[in-house]
Amino acid sequence: MATSSILTNIKITDPKKVEDFVEALDISAHEPERIPSKPIIPLVTNIGEIRKFMGMENRENE
C-alpha cells in the first residue's frame, strides 16, 4: 500500500499557502460522507451463519 505518501512530513513556508491548506482541510472535514453507489454487503461474523453459508452446519469444530 502507498502509506509513504501519507506519512510524509511537509513544510509550508508561504503564509497564503498555509491558509489555503487549512481551509481545504476544513472544507473536507465538513463535506457530507460519501454515499455508496451500490448496496453494502453485510459482513457475516456469526460462526453459525458462516457454517450455514458454507454448507457445514452439521459438522463440529472444523
Protein backbone atom coordinates (compact mmCIF):
# COMPACT_ATOMS: atom_id res chain seq x y z
CA MET A 1 0.00 0.00 0.00
CA ALA A 2 1.07 3.56 -0.53
CA THR A 3 1.50 4.61 3.08
CA SER A 4 4.72 6.53 2.48
CA SER A 5 2.78 9.43 0.95
CA ILE A 6 0.50 9.55 3.99
CA LEU A 7 3.36 9.52 6.47
CA THR A 8 5.48 12.14 4.70
CA ASN A 9 6.16 15.38 6.57
CA ILE A 10 5.54 18.55 4.61
CA LYS A 11 6.79 22.05 5.24
CA ILE A 12 4.78 25.02 4.02
CA THR A 13 6.55 28.35 4.43
CA ASP A 14 4.26 30.66 2.44
CA PRO A 15 1.54 32.05 4.79
CA LYS A 16 -1.01 32.20 1.94
CA LYS A 17 -0.41 28.53 1.10
CA VAL A 18 -0.77 27.64 4.79
CA GLU A 19 -4.16 29.40 4.88
CA ASP A 20 -5.25 27.66 1.68
CA PHE A 21 -4.17 24.28 3.05
CA VAL A 22 -6.00 24.75 6.35
CA GLU A 23 -9.11 25.98 4.50
CA ALA A 24 -9.03 22.89 2.26
CA LEU A 25 -8.76 20.64 5.34
CA ASP A 26 -11.66 22.47 6.98
CA ILE A 27 -13.85 22.17 3.88
CA SER A 28 -13.10 18.46 3.50
CA ALA A 29 -13.97 17.87 7.18
CA HIS A 30 -17.42 19.41 6.72
CA GLU A 31 -18.36 17.69 3.47
CA PRO A 32 -21.02 15.00 3.83
CA GLU A 33 -19.85 11.42 3.96
CA ARG A 34 -19.67 9.54 0.70
CA ILE A 35 -22.85 7.69 -0.21
CA PRO A 36 -22.10 4.29 -1.75
CA SER A 37 -23.36 3.86 -5.30
CA LYS A 38 -24.24 0.21 -4.63
CA PRO A 39 -25.65 -1.53 -1.56
CA ILE A 40 -23.12 -2.59 1.04
CA ILE A 41 -22.71 -6.33 1.51
CA PRO A 42 -23.01 -7.05 5.23
CA LEU A 43 -20.17 -8.93 6.91
CA VAL A 44 -21.06 -12.31 8.36
CA THR A 45 -19.26 -12.79 11.67
CA ASN A 46 -21.51 -15.33 13.38
CA ILE A 47 -19.88 -18.77 13.25
CA GLY A 48 -23.25 -20.50 12.87
CA GLU A 49 -24.18 -18.31 9.90
CA ILE A 50 -20.77 -18.94 8.30
CA ARG A 51 -21.18 -22.70 8.70
CA LYS A 52 -24.69 -22.49 7.25
CA PHE A 53 -23.42 -20.46 4.29
CA MET A 54 -20.55 -22.87 3.65
CA GLY A 55 -22.86 -25.90 3.95
CA MET A 56 -21.12 -27.11 7.11
CA GLU A 57 -23.99 -26.68 9.58
CA ASN A 58 -23.87 -30.35 10.61
CA ARG A 59 -20.08 -30.50 11.18
CA GLU A 60 -18.47 -29.86 14.53
CA ASN A 61 -15.24 -27.87 15.17
CA GLU A 62 -13.63 -27.80 11.74
